[in-house]
Amino acid sequence: MDFDFTDEQNALREAVARWVDKGFRFERRHALAKAGGHAREVWAELAGLGLAGLAVAEDHGGLGYGPVEAMVVQEELGRGLVH
């Protein structure tokens, strides 16, 4: 069995990691926490990355990914304390 991530899964991880590193620094997390913990703008940015359709079938306009890709995304979002 091969437990390595595919090139596509690694690319997904890198894309989310770049967004977290660039757009979700401590100052932003702190401001969001003081404002109640979440913001529509964050969800809009995640949707702009296509993550709102992560597990939606491609023929319905989503990315068509499965649980492994969802885990990859959640791991990176968790690393950045995105909520």
Protein backbone atom coordinates (compact mmCIF):
# COMPACT_ATOMS: atom_id res chain seq x y z
CA MET A 1 0.00 0.00 0.00
CA ASP A 2 1.17 3.49 -0.83
CA PHE A 3 0.48 6.02 1.92
CA ASP A 4 2.22 8.95 0.24
CA PHE A 5 0.17 11.94 -0.79
CA THR A 6 -0.38 12.43 -4.51
CA ASP A 7 1.04 15.42 -6.36
CA GLU A 8 -2.48 16.88 -6.48
CA GLN A 9 -2.94 16.46 -2.71
CA ASN A 10 0.44 18.08 -2.08
CA ALA A 11 -0.48 20.97 -4.37
CA LEU A 12 -3.74 21.43 -2.47
CA ARG A 13 -1.84 21.44 0.83
CA GLU A 14 0.63 24.01 -0.51
CA ALA A 15 -2.15 26.29 -1.80
CA VAL A 16 -3.95 26.29 1.55
CA ALA A 17 -0.66 26.70 3.44
CA ARG A 18 0.23 29.74 1.31
CA TRP A 19 -3.16 31.32 2.06
CA VAL A 20 -2.75 30.66 5.79
CA ASP A 21 0.82 31.99 5.85
CA LYS A 22 -0.01 35.08 3.81
CA GLY A 23 -3.52 35.97 4.87
CA PHE A 24 -4.05 34.62 8.35
CA ARG A 25 -1.24 35.92 10.49
CA PHE A 26 -1.45 36.41 14.26
CA GLU A 27 -2.76 39.96 14.02
CA ARG A 28 -5.72 38.87 11.92
CA ARG A 29 -6.49 35.90 14.17
CA HIS A 30 -6.33 38.17 17.20
CA ALA A 31 -8.67 40.75 15.65
CA LEU A 32 -11.14 38.04 14.63
CA ALA A 33 -11.09 36.51 18.12
CA LYS A 34 -11.84 39.91 19.65
CA ALA A 35 -14.72 40.37 17.18
CA GLY A 36 -16.40 37.09 18.07
CA GLY A 37 -14.29 34.42 16.42
CA HIS A 38 -15.20 34.33 12.75
CA ALA A 39 -15.95 36.58 9.82
CA ARG A 40 -17.76 36.30 6.51
CA GLU A 41 -14.65 37.61 4.75
CA VAL A 42 -12.69 34.53 5.84
CA TRP A 43 -15.39 32.21 4.51
CA ALA A 44 -15.46 34.20 1.27
CA GLU A 45 -11.71 33.80 0.88
CA LEU A 46 -11.92 30.06 1.53
CA ALA A 47 -14.73 29.81 -1.00
CA GLY A 48 -12.58 31.78 -3.44
CA LEU A 49 -9.98 29.04 -3.09
CA GLY A 50 -12.70 26.55 -4.03
CA LEU A 51 -12.78 24.97 -0.60
CA ALA A 52 -16.53 25.39 -0.16
CA GLY A 53 -16.90 22.81 -2.92
CA LEU A 54 -14.11 20.54 -1.77
CA ALA A 55 -16.25 17.41 -1.44
CA VAL A 56 -18.91 18.40 -3.98
CA ALA A 57 -18.86 16.32 -7.15
CA GLU A 58 -17.25 17.98 -10.15
CA ASP A 59 -20.40 17.57 -12.24
CA HIS A 60 -22.16 19.73 -9.64
CA GLY A 61 -19.50 22.46 -9.75
CA GLY A 62 -17.26 21.26 -6.93
CA LEU A 63 -13.73 19.93 -6.73
CA GLY A 64 -14.80 16.31 -6.28
CA TYR A 65 -12.29 15.51 -3.56
CA GLY A 66 -12.68 12.97 -0.78
CA PRO A 67 -11.84 12.57 2.89
CA VAL A 68 -8.05 12.53 2.43
CA GLU A 69 -8.11 15.90 0.68
CA ALA A 70 -10.48 17.26 3.34
CA MET A 71 -8.00 16.12 6.00
CA VAL A 72 -5.14 17.82 4.15
CA VAL A 73 -7.10 21.09 4.07
CA GLN A 74 -8.22 20.82 7.70
CA GLU A 75 -4.67 20.14 8.83
CA GLU A 76 -3.42 23.34 7.21
CA LEU A 77 -6.37 25.40 8.45
CA GLY A 78 -5.78 24.01 11.93
CA ARG A 79 -2.11 24.92 11.74
CA GLY A 80 -3.17 28.51 11.14
CA LEU A 81 -5.96 28.38 13.75
CA VAL A 82 -8.47 29.34 11.06
CA HIS A 83 -12.08 29.18 12.15
